[in-house]
Amino acid sequence: MNKLFKILIIGIFTFSAVQCAKETPLIQTASSTHQDLEKQKRDSIREDSIKRAQERIRFSTLVFPKNKKDSVMSAFLKKYPEEERYIILALNRLDNKNRWRADTLVIPEKIENDFLKYSPFPKRLDELKPVNKMVFFSYAIHAFAVYENGNLMKWGPSSLGKKATPTKTGLMFSNWKKEVAISTSNSEWILRWNFNIHNTLGIGWHQYDLPGFHASHSCLRMLEEDAKWMYSWADTWVLTNNGQTVQAKGTPVIVFGESDFKTKPWLKLSDDPAANDISVEEMNDTFVPHLDKILKEQENSEKIRGHAYLSLSKSNNGKRAS
């Protein structure tokens, strides 16, 4: 009897030990997987920083003295062809119309045809991968960026709301669009490729003067080439109930950062080519808190637009059949 009891006890302990041995690797594996993911994120951020440092373009400064401004500008126009002037002015947040405002320009030592080469935004945001389309406007560096599934597709200069009429910051979504709109602040202001992102406040991005500082009445000014591209790229909202109800929202947009409305951050590039760089961590801090809402609206939008597409297809097929 005692012998059977001993065998039973040994068996129980052996079974328990085996079970623990089986379970322990599972706990270690879960912890290890989390650590591996965190390491991959750190490595990705580090690799991005290294790559950006390697590809970084250096800048020099061109000053326009008041008593020689016309002659220096004439020399500038003669030295650089139109395509290169466009890039230089864009880097200085100016359009051709407002080039006369320049008192100092930063000039890249190497003129690249691909404007992405000058991007202060990260080329890739892994945390943004699930998001099909995303737009950012940075108050601090007067610039916008466009991402698709975490990959930077486009960036460019922008002029946001001036100190007296600042642009609302935070998450918004693109709504309606109009190729040519008239400003509600002044009927003489023609806004081309206008895309609204806050209907009640009348905020939108569009083409208008880029003077090298924040000058708008809360809208997001862009170069015409950029505004036109965005006009075709971004999604509008989907309305129902005779236009009274928003059934699906458009492309998510985040306006972030702060400006002192005095300094021109791009002028720092001549001393430090990385002066305007926005890190992956800063970008993550900007959108990750909104990620659940963005993905929820994206899922709803895909569902609504998918139904609309199927209904249109059935309607067209019915017309062909008749």
C-alpha atoms as a PDB file:
ATOM      1  CA  MET A   1       0.000   0.000   0.000  1.00  0.00           C
ATOM      2  CA  ASN A   2       2.787   2.352   1.027  1.00  0.00           C
ATOM      3  CA  LYS A   3       4.616   1.470  -2.157  1.00  0.00           C
ATOM      4  CA  LEU A   4       1.593   2.326  -4.313  1.00  0.00           C
ATOM      5  CA  PHE A   5       1.146   5.604  -2.418  1.00  0.00           C
ATOM      6  CA  LYS A   6       4.790   6.554  -3.056  1.00  0.00           C
ATOM      7  CA  ILE A   7       4.471   5.761  -6.773  1.00  0.00           C
ATOM      8  CA  LEU A   8       1.325   7.895  -6.970  1.00  0.00           C
ATOM      9  CA  ILE A   9       3.020  10.872  -5.260  1.00  0.00           C
ATOM     10  CA  ILE A  10       6.074  10.602  -7.522  1.00  0.00           C
ATOM     11  CA  GLY A  11       3.784  10.465 -10.549  1.00  0.00           C
ATOM     12  CA  ILE A  12       1.921  13.624  -9.499  1.00  0.00           C
ATOM     13  CA  PHE A  13       5.154  15.553  -8.956  1.00  0.00           C
ATOM     14  CA  THR A  14       6.577  14.310 -12.260  1.00  0.00           C
ATOM     15  CA  PHE A  15       3.408  15.366 -14.135  1.00  0.00           C
ATOM     16  CA  SER A  16       3.498  18.823 -12.509  1.00  0.00           C
ATOM     17  CA  ALA A  17       7.151  19.279 -13.388  1.00  0.00           C
ATOM     18  CA  VAL A  18       6.526  18.327 -16.999  1.00  0.00           C
ATOM     19  CA  GLN A  19       3.591  20.760 -17.202  1.00  0.00           C
ATOM     20  CA  CYS A  20       5.708  23.594 -15.776  1.00  0.00           C
ATOM     21  CA  ALA A  21       8.461  22.779 -18.217  1.00  0.00           C
ATOM     22  CA  LYS A  22       5.926  22.998 -21.047  1.00  0.00           C
ATOM     23  CA  GLU A  23       4.389  26.280 -19.861  1.00  0.00           C
ATOM     24  CA  THR A  24       7.577  28.178 -19.022  1.00  0.00           C
ATOM     25  CA  PRO A  25       8.846  28.455 -22.630  1.00  0.00           C
ATOM     26  CA  LEU A  26       5.438  29.910 -23.622  1.00  0.00           C
ATOM     27  CA  ILE A  27       5.851  32.745 -21.122  1.00  0.00           C
ATOM     28  CA  GLN A  28       9.438  33.273 -22.185  1.00  0.00           C
ATOM     29  CA  THR A  29       8.432  33.171 -25.857  1.00  0.00           C
ATOM     30  CA  ALA A  30       5.736  35.854 -25.388  1.00  0.00           C
ATOM     31  CA  SER A  31       8.168  38.071 -23.505  1.00  0.00           C
ATOM     32  CA  SER A  32      10.872  37.384 -26.065  1.00  0.00           C
ATOM     33  CA  THR A  33       8.529  38.239 -28.946  1.00  0.00           C
ATOM     34  CA  HIS A  34       7.633  41.587 -27.333  1.00  0.00           C
ATOM     35  CA  GLN A  35      11.312  42.346 -26.778  1.00  0.00           C
ATOM     36  CA  ASP A  36      12.095  41.412 -30.368  1.00  0.00           C
ATOM     37  CA  LEU A  37       9.383  43.748 -31.673  1.00  0.00           C
ATOM     38  CA  GLU A  38      10.653  46.591 -29.516  1.00  0.00           C
ATOM     39  CA  LYS A  39      14.203  45.924 -30.711  1.00  0.00           C
ATOM     40  CA  GLN A  40      13.017  45.934 -34.337  1.00  0.00           C
ATOM     41  CA  LYS A  41      11.340  49.315 -33.790  1.00  0.00           C
ATOM     42  CA  ARG A  42      14.480  50.755 -32.209  1.00  0.00           C
ATOM     43  CA  ASP A  43      16.645  49.350 -34.992  1.00  0.00           C
ATOM     44  CA  SER A  44      14.267  50.759 -37.628  1.00  0.00           C
ATOM     45  CA  ILE A  45      14.379  54.220 -36.042  1.00  0.00           C
ATOM     46  CA  ARG A  46      18.176  54.031 -35.749  1.00  0.00           C
ATOM     47  CA  GLU A  47      18.537  52.922 -39.374  1.00  0.00           C
ATOM     48  CA  ASP A  48      16.268  55.764 -40.496  1.00  0.00           C
ATOM     49  CA  SER A  49      18.411  58.281 -38.597  1.00  0.00           C
ATOM     50  CA  ILE A  50      21.621  56.878 -40.068  1.00  0.00           C
ATOM     51  CA  LYS A  51      20.213  56.837 -43.602  1.00  0.00           C
ATOM     52  CA  ARG A  52      18.920  60.382 -43.299  1.00  0.00           C
ATOM     53  CA  ALA A  53      22.341  61.502 -42.047  1.00  0.00           C
ATOM     54  CA  GLN A  54      24.066  59.831 -44.991  1.00  0.00           C
ATOM     55  CA  GLU A  55      21.677  61.353 -47.541  1.00  0.00           C
ATOM     56  CA  ARG A  56      21.591  64.793 -45.942  1.00  0.00           C
ATOM     57  CA  ILE A  57      22.272  67.689 -48.277  1.00  0.00           C
ATOM     58  CA  ARG A  58      24.243  70.690 -47.056  1.00  0.00           C
ATOM     59  CA  PHE A  59      23.198  74.288 -47.571  1.00  0.00           C
ATOM     60  CA  SER A  60      24.830  77.664 -48.080  1.00  0.00           C
ATOM     61  CA  THR A  61      23.281  81.115 -47.572  1.00  0.00           C
ATOM     62  CA  LEU A  62      22.530  83.818 -50.114  1.00  0.00           C
ATOM     63  CA  VAL A  63      21.930  87.255 -48.585  1.00  0.00           C
ATOM     64  CA  PHE A  64      20.077  90.076 -50.357  1.00  0.00           C
ATOM     65  CA  PRO A  65      21.431  93.395 -48.976  1.00  0.00           C
ATOM     66  CA  LYS A  66      18.842  96.195 -49.083  1.00  0.00           C
ATOM     67  CA  ASN A  67      21.016  98.443 -51.216  1.00  0.00           C
ATOM     68  CA  LYS A  68      21.875  95.622 -53.653  1.00  0.00           C
ATOM     69  CA  LYS A  69      18.737  93.504 -53.572  1.00  0.00           C
ATOM     70  CA  ASP A  70      17.819  94.007 -57.227  1.00  0.00           C
ATOM     71  CA  SER A  71      21.294  93.171 -58.502  1.00  0.00           C
ATOM     72  CA  VAL A  72      21.630  90.076 -56.282  1.00  0.00           C
ATOM     73  CA  MET A  73      18.179  88.881 -57.345  1.00  0.00           C
ATOM     74  CA  SER A  74      19.115  89.435 -60.978  1.00  0.00           C
ATOM     75  CA  ALA A  75      22.243  87.331 -60.474  1.00  0.00           C
ATOM     76  CA  PHE A  76      20.155  84.643 -58.725  1.00  0.00           C
ATOM     77  CA  LEU A  77      17.690  84.486 -61.646  1.00  0.00           C
ATOM     78  CA  LYS A  78      20.530  84.282 -64.131  1.00  0.00           C
ATOM     79  CA  LYS A  79      22.469  81.580 -62.273  1.00  0.00           C
ATOM     80  CA  TYR A  80      19.616  79.143 -61.649  1.00  0.00           C
ATOM     81  CA  PRO A  81      17.185  77.893 -64.346  1.00  0.00           C
ATOM     82  CA  GLU A  82      13.461  77.955 -63.633  1.00  0.00           C
ATOM     83  CA  GLU A  83      13.245  74.344 -62.376  1.00  0.00           C
ATOM     84  CA  GLU A  84      16.073  74.904 -59.861  1.00  0.00           C
ATOM     85  CA  ARG A  85      14.650  78.250 -58.732  1.00  0.00           C
ATOM     86  CA  TYR A  86      11.347  76.524 -58.030  1.00  0.00           C
ATOM     87  CA  ILE A  87      13.091  74.051 -55.693  1.00  0.00           C
ATOM     88  CA  ILE A  88      15.155  76.731 -53.943  1.00  0.00           C
ATOM     89  CA  LEU A  89      12.155  78.982 -53.383  1.00  0.00           C
ATOM     90  CA  ALA A  90      10.039  76.051 -52.157  1.00  0.00           C
ATOM     91  CA  LEU A  91      12.722  75.172 -49.601  1.00  0.00           C
ATOM     92  CA  ASN A  92      12.486  78.787 -48.414  1.00  0.00           C
ATOM     93  CA  ARG A  93       8.657  78.583 -48.270  1.00  0.00           C
ATOM     94  CA  LEU A  94       8.254  81.018 -51.151  1.00  0.00           C
ATOM     95  CA  ASP A  95       6.482  80.895 -54.499  1.00  0.00           C
ATOM     96  CA  ASN A  96       7.820  82.700 -57.545  1.00  0.00           C
ATOM     97  CA  LYS A  97       5.384  85.584 -57.101  1.00  0.00           C
ATOM     98  CA  ASN A  98       6.763  86.316 -53.632  1.00  0.00           C
ATOM     99  CA  ARG A  99      10.469  85.859 -54.353  1.00  0.00           C
ATOM    100  CA  TRP A 100      10.968  89.614 -53.890  1.00  0.00           C
ATOM    101  CA  ARG A 101      10.275  89.139 -50.178  1.00  0.00           C
ATOM    102  CA  ALA A 102      13.499  87.204 -49.712  1.00  0.00           C
ATOM    103  CA  ASP A 103      16.217  88.864 -47.669  1.00  0.00           C
ATOM    104  CA  THR A 104      18.088  85.571 -47.204  1.00  0.00           C
ATOM    105  CA  LEU A 105      17.835  82.247 -49.019  1.00  0.00           C
ATOM    106  CA  VAL A 106      19.278  78.875 -48.077  1.00  0.00           C
ATOM    107  CA  ILE A 107      20.693  77.224 -51.209  1.00  0.00           C
ATOM    108  CA  PRO A 108      21.284  73.462 -51.377  1.00  0.00           C
ATOM    109  CA  GLU A 109      24.800  72.586 -52.501  1.00  0.00           C
ATOM    110  CA  LYS A 110      23.264  69.894 -54.685  1.00  0.00           C
ATOM    111  CA  ILE A 111      20.049  70.551 -56.607  1.00  0.00           C
ATOM    112  CA  GLU A 112      17.995  67.353 -56.666  1.00  0.00           C
ATOM    113  CA  ASN A 113      15.136  66.774 -59.094  1.00  0.00           C
ATOM    114  CA  ASP A 114      13.434  64.553 -56.529  1.00  0.00           C
ATOM    115  CA  PHE A 115      12.094  66.956 -53.896  1.00  0.00           C
ATOM    116  CA  LEU A 116      11.736  64.050 -51.444  1.00  0.00           C
ATOM    117  CA  LYS A 117      15.521  64.150 -51.064  1.00  0.00           C
ATOM    118  CA  TYR A 118      15.088  67.345 -49.020  1.00  0.00           C
ATOM    119  CA  SER A 119      12.344  65.983 -46.784  1.00  0.00           C
ATOM    120  CA  PRO A 120      12.478  66.879 -43.073  1.00  0.00           C
ATOM    121  CA  PHE A 121       9.864  64.162 -42.492  1.00  0.00           C
ATOM    122  CA  PRO A 122      10.798  60.464 -42.003  1.00  0.00           C
ATOM    123  CA  LYS A 123      10.704  58.384 -45.172  1.00  0.00           C
ATOM    124  CA  ARG A 124       8.780  55.652 -43.366  1.00  0.00           C
ATOM    125  CA  LEU A 125       6.548  55.379 -40.303  1.00  0.00           C
ATOM    126  CA  ASP A 126       5.990  51.730 -39.375  1.00  0.00           C
ATOM    127  CA  GLU A 127       3.223  52.563 -36.889  1.00  0.00           C
ATOM    128  CA  LEU A 128       1.305  54.251 -39.738  1.00  0.00           C
ATOM    129  CA  LYS A 129       1.397  51.198 -42.010  1.00  0.00           C
ATOM    130  CA  PRO A 130      -2.297  50.228 -41.479  1.00  0.00           C
ATOM    131  CA  VAL A 131      -3.452  53.700 -42.607  1.00  0.00           C
ATOM    132  CA  ASN A 132      -4.093  53.940 -46.342  1.00  0.00           C
ATOM    133  CA  LYS A 133      -3.768  57.732 -46.616  1.00  0.00           C
ATOM    134  CA  MET A 134      -2.589  60.341 -44.120  1.00  0.00           C
ATOM    135  CA  VAL A 135      -1.735  64.053 -44.280  1.00  0.00           C
ATOM    136  CA  PHE A 136       0.313  66.089 -41.810  1.00  0.00           C
ATOM    137  CA  PHE A 137       0.834  69.845 -41.576  1.00  0.00           C
ATOM    138  CA  SER A 138       3.643  71.058 -39.320  1.00  0.00           C
ATOM    139  CA  TYR A 139       3.242  74.529 -37.831  1.00  0.00           C
ATOM    140  CA  ALA A 140       6.854  74.492 -36.642  1.00  0.00           C
ATOM    141  CA  ILE A 141       8.563  73.969 -40.013  1.00  0.00           C
ATOM    142  CA  HIS A 142       5.845  75.398 -42.313  1.00  0.00           C
ATOM    143  CA  ALA A 143       5.448  72.172 -44.270  1.00  0.00           C
ATOM    144  CA  PHE A 144       3.105  69.308 -45.110  1.00  0.00           C
ATOM    145  CA  ALA A 145       3.678  65.594 -45.660  1.00  0.00           C
ATOM    146  CA  VAL A 146       1.617  62.881 -47.348  1.00  0.00           C
ATOM    147  CA  TYR A 147       1.887  59.194 -46.411  1.00  0.00           C
ATOM    148  CA  GLU A 148       0.438  56.010 -47.873  1.00  0.00           C
ATOM    149  CA  ASN A 149       0.620  52.945 -45.619  1.00  0.00           C
ATOM    150  CA  GLY A 150       3.489  54.505 -43.705  1.00  0.00           C
ATOM    151  CA  ASN A 151       5.537  55.505 -46.769  1.00  0.00           C
ATOM    152  CA  LEU A 152       6.249  59.182 -47.464  1.00  0.00           C
ATOM    153  CA  MET A 153       4.799  60.037 -50.874  1.00  0.00           C
ATOM    154  CA  LYS A 154       5.097  63.818 -50.976  1.00  0.00           C
ATOM    155  CA  TRP A 155       6.045  66.859 -48.934  1.00  0.00           C
ATOM    156  CA  GLY A 156       6.179  70.573 -49.559  1.00  0.00           C
ATOM    157  CA  PRO A 157       6.030  74.099 -48.154  1.00  0.00           C
ATOM    158  CA  SER A 158       2.968  75.593 -46.545  1.00  0.00           C
ATOM    159  CA  SER A 159       1.791  78.805 -44.914  1.00  0.00           C
ATOM    160  CA  LEU A 160      -0.636  78.259 -42.047  1.00  0.00           C
ATOM    161  CA  GLY A 161      -2.771  80.643 -39.998  1.00  0.00           C
ATOM    162  CA  LYS A 162      -1.047  83.785 -38.764  1.00  0.00           C
ATOM    163  CA  LYS A 163      -0.873  84.605 -35.045  1.00  0.00           C
ATOM    164  CA  ALA A 164      -4.159  86.564 -35.076  1.00  0.00           C
ATOM    165  CA  THR A 165      -6.036  83.812 -36.946  1.00  0.00           C
ATOM    166  CA  PRO A 166      -4.277  80.519 -36.137  1.00  0.00           C
ATOM    167  CA  THR A 167      -5.096  77.211 -37.763  1.00  0.00           C
ATOM    168  CA  LYS A 168      -6.869  74.694 -35.565  1.00  0.00           C
ATOM    169  CA  THR A 169      -4.520  71.875 -34.583  1.00  0.00           C
ATOM    170  CA  GLY A 170      -5.347  68.206 -34.053  1.00  0.00           C
ATOM    171  CA  LEU A 171      -7.087  65.502 -36.083  1.00  0.00           C
ATOM    172  CA  MET A 172      -9.506  66.457 -38.870  1.00  0.00           C
ATOM    173  CA  PHE A 173     -10.740  64.805 -42.061  1.00  0.00           C
ATOM    174  CA  SER A 174     -11.002  66.075 -45.635  1.00  0.00           C
ATOM    175  CA  ASN A 175     -14.581  66.961 -46.579  1.00  0.00           C
ATOM    176  CA  TRP A 176     -15.730  68.680 -49.772  1.00  0.00           C
ATOM    177  CA  LYS A 177     -13.598  70.150 -52.524  1.00  0.00           C
ATOM    178  CA  LYS A 178     -13.927  72.854 -55.149  1.00  0.00           C
ATOM    179  CA  GLU A 179     -11.530  73.613 -57.979  1.00  0.00           C
ATOM    180  CA  VAL A 180     -12.002  77.370 -57.626  1.00  0.00           C
ATOM    181  CA  ALA A 181     -13.385  78.835 -54.398  1.00  0.00           C
ATOM    182  CA  ILE A 182     -13.854  82.407 -53.185  1.00  0.00           C
ATOM    183  CA  SER A 183     -12.537  83.293 -49.732  1.00  0.00           C
ATOM    184  CA  THR A 184     -15.186  84.195 -47.144  1.00  0.00           C
ATOM    185  CA  SER A 185     -12.713  86.724 -45.681  1.00  0.00           C
ATOM    186  CA  ASN A 186     -12.243  88.651 -48.914  1.00  0.00           C
ATOM    187  CA  SER A 187     -14.146  88.103 -52.166  1.00  0.00           C
ATOM    188  CA  GLU A 188     -11.059  89.121 -54.152  1.00  0.00           C
ATOM    189  CA  TRP A 189      -9.096  86.123 -52.888  1.00  0.00           C
ATOM    190  CA  ILE A 190      -9.354  83.262 -55.379  1.00  0.00           C
ATOM    191  CA  LEU A 191      -8.514  79.880 -53.831  1.00  0.00           C
ATOM    192  CA  ARG A 192      -7.605  77.238 -56.377  1.00  0.00           C
ATOM    193  CA  TRP A 193      -7.816  73.487 -55.707  1.00  0.00           C
ATOM    194  CA  ASN A 194      -9.574  74.095 -52.404  1.00  0.00           C
ATOM    195  CA  PHE A 195     -10.114  71.048 -50.175  1.00  0.00           C
ATOM    196  CA  ASN A 196     -12.052  71.666 -46.961  1.00  0.00           C
ATOM    197  CA  ILE A 197     -10.996  69.875 -43.756  1.00  0.00           C
ATOM    198  CA  HIS A 198     -13.217  71.648 -41.194  1.00  0.00           C
ATOM    199  CA  ASN A 199     -16.612  72.574 -42.549  1.00  0.00           C
ATOM    200  CA  THR A 200     -17.926  74.754 -39.702  1.00  0.00           C
ATOM    201  CA  LEU A 201     -14.669  76.728 -39.372  1.00  0.00           C
ATOM    202  CA  GLY A 202     -14.136  76.935 -43.118  1.00  0.00           C
ATOM    203  CA  ILE A 203     -10.580  75.567 -42.942  1.00  0.00           C
ATOM    204  CA  GLY A 204      -9.063  73.960 -46.016  1.00  0.00           C
ATOM    205  CA  TRP A 205      -5.853  73.552 -47.976  1.00  0.00           C
ATOM    206  CA  HIS A 206      -5.533  75.327 -51.294  1.00  0.00           C
ATOM    207  CA  GLN A 207      -3.193  77.249 -53.559  1.00  0.00           C
ATOM    208  CA  TYR A 208      -2.376  80.785 -52.507  1.00  0.00           C
ATOM    209  CA  ASP A 209       0.591  83.082 -51.872  1.00  0.00           C
ATOM    210  CA  LEU A 210       3.549  81.594 -50.000  1.00  0.00           C
ATOM    211  CA  PRO A 211       5.352  84.637 -48.537  1.00  0.00           C
ATOM    212  CA  GLY A 212       7.853  82.788 -46.337  1.00  0.00           C
ATOM    213  CA  PHE A 213       5.852  83.135 -43.107  1.00  0.00           C
ATOM    214  CA  HIS A 214       2.488  82.102 -41.681  1.00  0.00           C
ATOM    215  CA  ALA A 215       0.020  84.509 -43.255  1.00  0.00           C
ATOM    216  CA  SER A 216      -3.364  82.861 -43.778  1.00  0.00           C
ATOM    217  CA  HIS A 217      -6.723  83.367 -42.084  1.00  0.00           C
ATOM    218  CA  SER A 218      -6.483  79.795 -40.666  1.00  0.00           C
ATOM    219  CA  CYS A 219      -6.324  77.936 -43.992  1.00  0.00           C
ATOM    220  CA  LEU A 220      -3.372  75.869 -45.227  1.00  0.00           C
ATOM    221  CA  ARG A 221      -1.696  77.504 -48.207  1.00  0.00           C
ATOM    222  CA  MET A 222       0.272  75.459 -50.714  1.00  0.00           C
ATOM    223  CA  LEU A 223       2.051  75.782 -54.032  1.00  0.00           C
ATOM    224  CA  GLU A 224      -0.366  75.267 -56.921  1.00  0.00           C
ATOM    225  CA  GLU A 225       1.394  72.110 -58.118  1.00  0.00           C
ATOM    226  CA  ASP A 226       1.027  70.558 -54.654  1.00  0.00           C
ATOM    227  CA  ALA A 227      -2.578  71.701 -54.146  1.00  0.00           C
ATOM    228  CA  LYS A 228      -3.584  70.318 -57.541  1.00  0.00           C
ATOM    229  CA  TRP A 229      -1.952  66.963 -56.780  1.00  0.00           C
ATOM    230  CA  MET A 230      -3.688  66.796 -53.394  1.00  0.00           C
ATOM    231  CA  TYR A 231      -7.014  67.717 -54.997  1.00  0.00           C
ATOM    232  CA  SER A 232      -6.982  64.455 -56.970  1.00  0.00           C
ATOM    233  CA  TRP A 233      -5.326  62.332 -54.287  1.00  0.00           C
ATOM    234  CA  ALA A 234      -7.388  62.921 -51.139  1.00  0.00           C
ATOM    235  CA  ASP A 235     -10.885  61.538 -50.511  1.00  0.00           C
ATOM    236  CA  THR A 236     -14.010  63.598 -49.961  1.00  0.00           C
ATOM    237  CA  TRP A 237     -16.640  62.772 -47.380  1.00  0.00           C
ATOM    238  CA  VAL A 238     -19.746  60.730 -48.242  1.00  0.00           C
ATOM    239  CA  LEU A 239     -23.062  62.385 -47.393  1.00  0.00           C
ATOM    240  CA  THR A 240     -26.565  60.949 -47.092  1.00  0.00           C
ATOM    241  CA  ASN A 241     -30.028  62.177 -46.085  1.00  0.00           C
ATOM    242  CA  ASN A 242     -29.958  64.893 -48.779  1.00  0.00           C
ATOM    243  CA  GLY A 243     -26.533  66.051 -47.672  1.00  0.00           C
ATOM    244  CA  GLN A 244     -27.504  66.441 -44.012  1.00  0.00           C
ATOM    245  CA  THR A 245     -25.598  63.455 -42.598  1.00  0.00           C
ATOM    246  CA  VAL A 246     -21.934  62.485 -42.905  1.00  0.00           C
ATOM    247  CA  GLN A 247     -21.956  58.776 -43.730  1.00  0.00           C
ATOM    248  CA  ALA A 248     -18.188  58.432 -44.213  1.00  0.00           C
ATOM    249  CA  LYS A 249     -15.303  60.782 -43.589  1.00  0.00           C
ATOM    250  CA  GLY A 250     -12.509  61.605 -46.014  1.00  0.00           C
ATOM    251  CA  THR A 251      -8.725  61.454 -45.615  1.00  0.00           C
ATOM    252  CA  PRO A 252      -7.359  61.978 -42.076  1.00  0.00           C
ATOM    253  CA  VAL A 253      -5.367  65.183 -41.566  1.00  0.00           C
ATOM    254  CA  ILE A 254      -3.350  66.234 -38.522  1.00  0.00           C
ATOM    255  CA  VAL A 255      -2.118  69.804 -37.977  1.00  0.00           C
ATOM    256  CA  PHE A 256       0.515  69.785 -35.249  1.00  0.00           C
ATOM    257  CA  GLY A 257       3.323  71.710 -33.609  1.00  0.00           C
ATOM    258  CA  GLU A 258       3.826  75.331 -32.660  1.00  0.00           C
ATOM    259  CA  SER A 259       5.291  78.425 -34.287  1.00  0.00           C
ATOM    260  CA  ASP A 260       6.724  81.589 -32.755  1.00  0.00           C
ATOM    261  CA  PHE A 261       5.521  83.472 -35.875  1.00  0.00           C
ATOM    262  CA  LYS A 262       8.901  85.211 -36.018  1.00  0.00           C
ATOM    263  CA  THR A 263      11.753  82.927 -37.002  1.00  0.00           C
ATOM    264  CA  LYS A 264      12.275  81.078 -40.276  1.00  0.00           C
ATOM    265  CA  PRO A 265      13.421  77.596 -39.246  1.00  0.00           C
ATOM    266  CA  TRP A 266      14.782  76.670 -42.694  1.00  0.00           C
ATOM    267  CA  LEU A 267      17.488  79.356 -42.365  1.00  0.00           C
ATOM    268  CA  LYS A 268      19.086  77.154 -39.702  1.00  0.00           C
ATOM    269  CA  LEU A 269      19.884  74.559 -42.377  1.00  0.00           C
ATOM    270  CA  SER A 270      23.089  76.349 -43.385  1.00  0.00           C
ATOM    271  CA  ASP A 271      24.517  75.644 -39.907  1.00  0.00           C
ATOM    272  CA  ASP A 272      22.827  72.294 -39.346  1.00  0.00           C
ATOM    273  CA  PRO A 273      21.379  70.271 -42.270  1.00  0.00           C
ATOM    274  CA  ALA A 274      19.262  68.341 -39.737  1.00  0.00           C
ATOM    275  CA  ALA A 275      17.814  71.452 -38.079  1.00  0.00           C
ATOM    276  CA  ASN A 276      14.308  70.926 -39.483  1.00  0.00           C
ATOM    277  CA  ASP A 277      14.195  67.135 -39.221  1.00  0.00           C
ATOM    278  CA  ILE A 278      11.171  65.669 -37.460  1.00  0.00           C
ATOM    279  CA  SER A 279      11.992  62.351 -35.816  1.00  0.00           C
ATOM    280  CA  VAL A 280      10.030  59.120 -36.059  1.00  0.00           C
ATOM    281  CA  GLU A 281       9.311  59.386 -32.332  1.00  0.00           C
ATOM    282  CA  GLU A 282       7.843  62.893 -32.710  1.00  0.00           C
ATOM    283  CA  MET A 283       5.667  61.794 -35.626  1.00  0.00           C
ATOM    284  CA  ASN A 284       4.487  58.766 -33.639  1.00  0.00           C
ATOM    285  CA  ASP A 285       3.570  61.020 -30.713  1.00  0.00           C
ATOM    286  CA  THR A 286       1.511  63.081 -33.146  1.00  0.00           C
ATOM    287  CA  PHE A 287      -0.708  60.380 -34.654  1.00  0.00           C
ATOM    288  CA  VAL A 288      -0.572  57.220 -32.484  1.00  0.00           C
ATOM    289  CA  PRO A 289      -2.996  58.677 -29.876  1.00  0.00           C
ATOM    290  CA  HIS A 290      -5.508  59.104 -32.740  1.00  0.00           C
ATOM    291  CA  LEU A 291      -4.762  55.782 -34.462  1.00  0.00           C
ATOM    292  CA  ASP A 292      -7.811  53.880 -33.188  1.00  0.00           C
ATOM    293  CA  LYS A 293     -10.180  56.616 -34.387  1.00  0.00           C
ATOM    294  CA  ILE A 294      -8.387  56.904 -37.748  1.00  0.00           C
ATOM    295  CA  LEU A 295      -8.617  53.145 -38.359  1.00  0.00           C
ATOM    296  CA  LYS A 296     -12.252  53.030 -37.252  1.00  0.00           C
ATOM    297  CA  GLU A 297     -13.173  55.809 -39.700  1.00  0.00           C
ATOM    298  CA  GLN A 298     -11.104  54.130 -42.421  1.00  0.00           C
ATOM    299  CA  GLU A 299     -12.937  50.826 -41.939  1.00  0.00           C
ATOM    300  CA  ASN A 300     -16.297  52.585 -42.104  1.00  0.00           C
ATOM    301  CA  SER A 301     -15.247  54.571 -45.174  1.00  0.00           C
ATOM    302  CA  GLU A 302     -14.137  51.434 -47.042  1.00  0.00           C
ATOM    303  CA  LYS A 303     -17.428  49.732 -46.209  1.00  0.00           C
ATOM    304  CA  ILE A 304     -19.591  52.692 -47.326  1.00  0.00           C
ATOM    305  CA  ARG A 305     -17.588  53.371 -50.498  1.00  0.00           C
ATOM    306  CA  GLY A 306     -17.566  49.645 -51.301  1.00  0.00           C
ATOM    307  CA  HIS A 307     -21.354  49.499 -51.097  1.00  0.00           C
ATOM    308  CA  ALA A 308     -21.654  52.621 -53.226  1.00  0.00           C
ATOM    309  CA  TYR A 309     -19.326  51.118 -55.857  1.00  0.00           C
ATOM    310  CA  LEU A 310     -21.335  47.856 -55.982  1.00  0.00           C
ATOM    311  CA  SER A 311     -24.613  49.782 -56.305  1.00  0.00           C
ATOM    312  CA  LEU A 312     -23.184  51.857 -59.150  1.00  0.00           C
ATOM    313  CA  SER A 313     -21.874  48.741 -60.906  1.00  0.00           C
ATOM    314  CA  LYS A 314     -25.268  47.012 -60.662  1.00  0.00           C
ATOM    315  CA  SER A 315     -26.983  50.151 -61.945  1.00  0.00           C
ATOM    316  CA  ASN A 316     -24.632  50.402 -64.929  1.00  0.00           C
ATOM    317  CA  ASN A 317     -25.036  46.689 -65.720  1.00  0.00           C
ATOM    318  CA  GLY A 318     -28.821  47.105 -65.614  1.00  0.00           C
ATOM    319  CA  LYS A 319     -28.662  49.995 -68.055  1.00  0.00           C
ATOM    320  CA  ARG A 320     -26.514  47.949 -70.464  1.00  0.00           C
ATOM    321  CA  ALA A 321     -28.912  44.994 -70.243  1.00  0.00           C
ATOM    322  CA  SER A 322     -31.909  47.154 -71.094  1.00  0.00           C
END
